[in-house]
């Protein structure tokens, strides 16, 4: 009983905008079992406007996170290192500053107590036939920084570059520092403290693995999964993450949820603990409605 009484969870919160919304998120998830570890994008300038309390910790040297770049991996690793400085946690939940809880803290804590030892990591094995080049282009191609951008013109050039490199074996990168089996999935996951510590030890022991991902494309969706699913933790992995995200409706992917999505969230989000993404600047009403659920 004493072990469960000391049950501790850490939230990794990756954020870059809307300090008011981040504070609402922190307040809604505050619990005696919980501490928060925030990476605030270096270029955002919002850290001073975010709540500062003993249970809220900030990465001291945050990175400038750019879509698709290694910074999306590095910011999580920095949070992991910060967590380790504050003792052992039973679970680490990676969320964004645009997440909100869909259930009470008691529901979340009780679930992870009851499922202690399981790793909640949504994944599939590569190559994935449903994707271009089986999705292997993300690591098999060396990407100069200028090619990793959401700009339409850059995307068109990047796709031509990918097709050229992937069509000529001698142009592809050596994957000798990667495990034989690669996995891909959402980096919003819930893992045990032991799994987090294994990831940190793995990257210390395998610098070539990290080096390859520094010039990958959206490698954050492969980096953590391929470490976990090539370890002894694989047998404890549950292929779900208890998160609600709308990848179907648009116009954004994932969709920024609005008031008209409330009933859909209630129906399709059954069994989910967190939802994303929400934006006070887009729809304040849905944020208020969702906070009442928890």
Protein backbone atom coordinates (compact mmCIF):
# COMPACT_ATOMS: atom_id res chain seq x y z
CA UNK A 1 0.00 0.00 0.00
CA UNK A 2 2.87 2.36 0.84
CA UNK A 3 4.33 1.82 -2.64
CA UNK A 4 1.08 2.92 -4.27
CA UNK A 5 0.80 5.84 -1.87
CA UNK A 6 4.15 7.09 -3.19
CA UNK A 7 3.09 6.62 -6.82
CA UNK A 8 4.55 9.47 -8.90
CA UNK A 9 3.79 10.64 -12.43
CA UNK A 10 5.71 13.18 -14.50
CA UNK A 11 4.19 15.16 -17.34
CA UNK A 12 6.55 16.22 -20.11
CA UNK A 13 4.84 19.31 -21.55
CA UNK A 14 6.15 20.58 -24.90
CA UNK A 15 4.88 24.10 -25.47
CA UNK A 16 5.45 27.14 -27.64
CA UNK A 17 2.39 29.43 -27.43
CA UNK A 18 -0.59 30.57 -25.37
CA UNK A 19 0.70 30.77 -21.78
CA UNK A 20 -2.86 31.32 -20.54
CA UNK A 21 -3.88 27.96 -22.01
CA UNK A 22 -0.75 26.25 -20.67
CA UNK A 23 -1.63 27.50 -17.19
CA UNK A 24 -5.16 26.11 -17.53
CA UNK A 25 -3.64 22.77 -18.52
CA UNK A 26 -1.24 22.76 -15.56
CA UNK A 27 -3.99 23.68 -13.11
CA UNK A 28 -6.31 21.00 -14.46
CA UNK A 29 -3.66 18.27 -14.10
CA UNK A 30 -2.35 19.35 -10.70
CA UNK A 31 -2.41 16.43 -8.27
CA UNK A 32 -0.42 15.19 -5.28
CA UNK A 33 0.99 12.38 -7.46
CA UNK A 34 2.08 14.68 -10.31
CA UNK A 35 4.99 16.95 -11.26
CA UNK A 36 5.46 18.86 -14.51
CA UNK A 37 8.56 19.17 -16.69
CA UNK A 38 8.21 21.85 -19.34
CA UNK A 39 10.17 22.51 -22.48
CA UNK A 40 9.21 25.99 -23.64
CA UNK A 41 10.38 26.60 -27.21
CA UNK A 42 13.37 28.94 -27.03
CA UNK A 43 11.97 31.39 -29.57
CA UNK A 44 8.55 31.69 -27.89
CA UNK A 45 9.48 34.08 -25.06
CA UNK A 46 6.55 32.94 -22.90
CA UNK A 47 8.21 31.16 -19.95
CA UNK A 48 7.83 34.14 -17.60
CA UNK A 49 4.05 34.07 -18.13
CA UNK A 50 3.73 30.40 -17.17
CA UNK A 51 2.99 29.30 -13.60
CA UNK A 52 6.08 28.84 -11.43
CA UNK A 53 5.62 26.44 -8.52
CA UNK A 54 7.63 23.75 -6.75
CA UNK A 55 5.95 21.03 -8.82
CA UNK A 56 6.66 22.77 -12.15
CA UNK A 57 10.17 22.46 -13.59
CA UNK A 58 11.56 24.13 -16.71
CA UNK A 59 14.31 22.94 -19.04
CA UNK A 60 17.05 25.50 -18.42
CA UNK A 61 18.50 25.52 -21.94
CA UNK A 62 15.55 24.95 -24.28
CA UNK A 63 16.02 24.42 -27.99
CA UNK A 64 14.54 26.22 -30.98
CA UNK A 65 12.11 23.52 -32.08
CA UNK A 66 11.46 23.39 -35.83
CA UNK A 67 8.97 21.08 -37.50
CA UNK A 68 10.55 17.88 -38.74
CA UNK A 69 13.99 18.60 -37.26
CA UNK A 70 16.04 16.85 -34.57
CA UNK A 71 14.93 19.51 -32.08
CA UNK A 72 11.63 17.63 -31.75
CA UNK A 73 13.63 14.72 -30.31
CA UNK A 74 16.09 16.83 -28.34
CA UNK A 75 13.42 18.70 -26.38
CA UNK A 76 11.98 15.40 -25.09
CA UNK A 77 15.43 14.09 -24.15
CA UNK A 78 16.13 17.30 -22.23
CA UNK A 79 12.90 16.79 -20.29
CA UNK A 80 13.87 13.18 -19.56
CA UNK A 81 17.22 14.32 -18.17
CA UNK A 82 15.46 16.92 -16.01
CA UNK A 83 13.04 14.29 -14.69
CA UNK A 84 15.94 12.06 -13.72
CA UNK A 85 17.37 14.88 -11.59
CA UNK A 86 14.18 14.85 -9.50
CA UNK A 87 14.11 11.19 -8.51
CA UNK A 88 12.13 8.19 -9.69
CA UNK A 89 8.73 8.50 -11.36
CA UNK A 90 6.46 5.55 -12.07
CA UNK A 91 5.10 7.03 -15.31
CA UNK A 92 6.11 9.73 -17.75
CA UNK A 93 3.38 11.17 -19.99
CA UNK A 94 4.45 13.23 -23.00
CA UNK A 95 1.85 15.84 -23.91
CA UNK A 96 1.78 19.20 -25.67
CA UNK A 97 0.81 22.59 -24.32
CA UNK A 98 -2.31 22.28 -26.48
CA UNK A 99 -3.57 19.12 -24.76
CA UNK A 100 -6.39 19.06 -22.22
CA UNK A 101 -7.53 16.27 -19.89
CA UNK A 102 -10.80 14.55 -20.80
CA UNK A 103 -11.21 12.78 -17.44
CA UNK A 104 -10.39 13.46 -13.80
CA UNK A 105 -6.91 13.18 -12.35
CA UNK A 106 -8.18 10.39 -10.10
CA UNK A 107 -9.20 8.37 -13.17
CA UNK A 108 -5.77 8.86 -14.75
CA UNK A 109 -3.80 8.04 -11.60
CA UNK A 110 -5.91 4.97 -10.78
CA UNK A 111 -5.56 3.60 -14.31
CA UNK A 112 -1.78 3.82 -14.33
CA UNK A 113 -1.55 2.39 -10.83
CA UNK A 114 -3.61 -0.60 -11.96
CA UNK A 115 -1.58 -1.01 -15.17
CA UNK A 116 1.78 -0.36 -13.59
CA UNK A 117 4.67 -1.71 -15.67
CA UNK A 118 2.93 -1.41 -19.05
CA UNK A 119 4.30 0.90 -21.74
CA UNK A 120 1.65 2.79 -23.73
CA UNK A 121 3.26 3.34 -27.13
CA UNK A 122 1.22 3.54 -30.34
CA UNK A 123 3.30 1.99 -33.12
CA UNK A 124 3.61 0.04 -36.35
CA UNK A 125 6.62 -1.70 -37.84
CA UNK A 126 8.50 -0.34 -40.85
CA UNK A 127 8.51 -0.58 -43.77
CA UNK A 128 4.83 0.36 -43.89
CA UNK A 129 3.37 -0.42 -47.32
CA UNK A 130 0.73 2.30 -46.96
CA UNK A 131 3.38 5.05 -47.05
CA UNK A 132 5.79 6.34 -49.68
CA UNK A 133 8.91 4.15 -49.76
CA UNK A 134 7.50 2.32 -46.76
CA UNK A 135 8.35 5.43 -44.70
CA UNK A 136 12.00 4.36 -44.78
CA UNK A 137 12.88 7.62 -46.55
CA UNK A 138 12.75 9.35 -43.18
CA UNK A 139 16.04 7.78 -42.09
CA UNK A 140 17.57 6.42 -45.32
CA UNK A 141 17.97 9.89 -46.83
CA UNK A 142 20.36 12.57 -45.54
CA UNK A 143 18.41 15.84 -45.21
CA UNK A 144 20.13 19.24 -45.39
CA UNK A 145 18.34 21.58 -42.98
CA UNK A 146 16.79 23.71 -45.72
CA UNK A 147 14.88 20.70 -47.06
CA UNK A 148 13.00 20.12 -43.80
CA UNK A 149 10.21 22.65 -44.05
CA UNK A 150 6.42 22.75 -44.36
CA UNK A 151 6.59 25.27 -47.22
CA UNK A 152 4.88 23.86 -50.31
CA UNK A 153 7.73 24.78 -52.65
CA UNK A 154 10.26 23.09 -50.38
CA UNK A 155 8.02 20.04 -50.03
CA UNK A 156 7.95 19.57 -53.80
CA UNK A 157 11.75 19.80 -54.03
CA UNK A 158 12.12 17.45 -51.06
CA UNK A 159 9.91 14.80 -52.63
CA UNK A 160 11.97 14.85 -55.84
CA UNK A 161 15.14 14.58 -53.76
CA UNK A 162 13.69 11.66 -51.78
CA UNK A 163 12.69 9.78 -54.91
CA UNK A 164 16.14 10.27 -56.43
CA UNK A 165 18.03 9.06 -53.35
CA UNK A 166 15.70 6.15 -52.62
CA UNK A 167 15.93 4.98 -56.24
CA UNK A 168 19.74 4.75 -56.17
CA UNK A 169 20.99 2.36 -53.45
CA UNK A 170 24.48 3.90 -53.31
CA UNK A 171 22.97 7.29 -52.43
CA UNK A 172 21.11 5.97 -49.40
CA UNK A 173 22.60 6.30 -45.96
CA UNK A 174 24.07 3.38 -44.08
CA UNK A 175 21.68 2.30 -41.34
CA UNK A 176 24.31 0.25 -39.50
CA UNK A 177 23.72 2.22 -36.30
CA UNK A 178 20.00 1.44 -36.33
CA UNK A 179 18.42 -1.82 -35.14
CA UNK A 180 17.21 -4.22 -37.83
CA UNK A 181 13.56 -3.63 -36.91
CA UNK A 182 12.33 -0.04 -37.03
CA UNK A 183 9.04 1.21 -35.62
CA UNK A 184 7.03 4.38 -36.09
CA UNK A 185 4.24 6.03 -34.16
CA UNK A 186 3.06 8.99 -32.14
CA UNK A 187 5.61 10.53 -29.81
CA UNK A 188 2.76 11.35 -27.41
CA UNK A 189 3.20 8.30 -25.21
CA UNK A 190 3.11 7.13 -21.59
CA UNK A 191 6.13 5.11 -20.46
CA UNK A 192 7.47 3.89 -17.15
CA UNK A 193 10.34 5.56 -15.36
CA UNK A 194 12.41 2.44 -16.02
CA UNK A 195 11.75 2.72 -19.75
CA UNK A 196 12.70 6.40 -19.75
CA UNK A 197 15.96 5.61 -17.97
CA UNK A 198 16.67 2.85 -20.51
CA UNK A 199 16.21 5.34 -23.37
CA UNK A 200 18.72 7.72 -21.79
CA UNK A 201 21.21 4.92 -21.24
CA UNK A 202 20.73 3.67 -24.81
CA UNK A 203 21.55 7.01 -26.40
CA UNK A 204 24.63 7.38 -24.19
CA UNK A 205 25.84 3.97 -25.34
CA UNK A 206 24.87 4.45 -29.01
CA UNK A 207 26.01 7.90 -30.21
CA UNK A 208 25.79 6.72 -33.83
CA UNK A 209 22.04 6.20 -33.39
CA UNK A 210 21.58 9.79 -32.26
CA UNK A 211 23.89 11.14 -34.96
CA UNK A 212 21.84 9.58 -37.75
CA UNK A 213 18.62 11.19 -36.51
CA UNK A 214 20.15 14.66 -36.55
CA UNK A 215 19.67 14.73 -40.32
CA UNK A 216 16.50 12.66 -40.57
CA UNK A 217 13.01 13.83 -41.52
CA UNK A 218 10.35 13.83 -38.77
CA UNK A 219 12.52 11.33 -36.95
CA UNK A 220 10.77 11.90 -33.62
CA UNK A 221 8.12 9.42 -34.77
CA UNK A 222 10.77 6.67 -35.12
CA UNK A 223 13.50 7.54 -32.60
CA UNK A 224 11.82 6.51 -29.35
CA UNK A 225 9.70 3.70 -30.74
CA UNK A 226 12.65 1.88 -32.28
CA UNK A 227 14.56 2.00 -28.99
CA UNK A 228 11.65 0.74 -26.90
CA UNK A 229 10.48 -1.98 -29.29
CA UNK A 230 13.98 -3.42 -29.68
CA UNK A 231 14.39 -3.80 -25.93
CA UNK A 232 13.03 -6.03 -23.20
CA UNK A 233 10.28 -3.43 -22.73
CA UNK A 234 8.71 -4.59 -26.02
CA UNK A 235 6.84 -7.36 -24.21
CA UNK A 236 5.19 -4.79 -21.95
CA UNK A 237 4.08 -2.44 -24.73
CA UNK A 238 0.37 -1.77 -25.20
CA UNK A 239 -0.37 -0.40 -28.68
CA UNK A 240 -2.51 2.53 -27.53
CA UNK A 241 -1.86 5.91 -25.92
CA UNK A 242 -5.20 6.96 -24.32
CA UNK A 243 -5.24 10.18 -26.35
CA UNK A 244 -7.92 11.65 -28.62
CA UNK A 245 -6.75 13.34 -31.82
CA UNK A 246 -8.78 14.04 -34.97
CA UNK A 247 -6.67 13.24 -38.04
CA UNK A 248 -9.67 12.92 -40.37
CA UNK A 249 -11.89 16.01 -40.32
CA UNK A 250 -9.44 18.81 -41.14
CA UNK A 251 -8.90 21.51 -42.29
CA UNK A 252 -5.74 21.12 -40.17
CA UNK A 253 -4.14 17.74 -39.56
CA UNK A 254 -4.47 17.14 -36.72
CA UNK A 255 -7.61 19.23 -36.42
CA UNK A 256 -7.70 22.13 -33.98
CA UNK A 257 -10.78 21.12 -32.02
CA UNK A 258 -13.73 23.50 -31.83
CA UNK A 259 -17.08 23.77 -30.05
CA UNK A 260 -18.80 21.74 -32.78
CA UNK A 261 -16.46 18.84 -32.00
CA UNK A 262 -17.65 18.48 -28.41
CA UNK A 263 -20.10 15.62 -28.96
CA UNK A 264 -17.65 13.83 -31.26
CA UNK A 265 -15.02 14.03 -28.54
CA UNK A 266 -17.48 12.65 -25.98
CA UNK A 267 -18.37 9.73 -28.28
CA UNK A 268 -15.09 8.86 -30.00
CA UNK A 269 -12.95 9.90 -27.06
CA UNK A 270 -14.41 7.30 -24.72
CA UNK A 271 -11.49 5.67 -22.93
CA UNK A 272 -9.14 8.56 -23.76
CA UNK A 273 -7.52 10.58 -20.99
CA UNK A 274 -6.20 13.55 -22.95
CA UNK A 275 -7.24 15.31 -26.15
CA UNK A 276 -5.42 17.58 -28.58
CA UNK A 277 -5.20 19.97 -30.01
CA UNK A 278 -7.03 22.93 -28.55
CA UNK A 279 -6.32 26.62 -29.10
CA UNK A 280 -7.81 29.50 -27.10
CA UNK A 281 -7.20 31.80 -30.06
CA UNK A 282 -9.34 29.59 -32.30
CA UNK A 283 -12.15 28.52 -29.96
CA UNK A 284 -12.30 29.47 -26.28
CA UNK A 285 -15.67 27.81 -25.72
CA UNK A 286 -14.43 24.26 -26.38
CA UNK A 287 -11.56 24.75 -23.91
CA UNK A 288 -14.00 25.78 -21.18
CA UNK A 289 -16.35 22.89 -22.01
CA UNK A 290 -13.57 20.29 -21.97
CA UNK A 291 -12.16 21.53 -18.67
CA UNK A 292 -15.56 20.89 -17.10
CA UNK A 293 -15.33 17.21 -18.11
CA UNK A 294 -12.35 16.66 -15.86
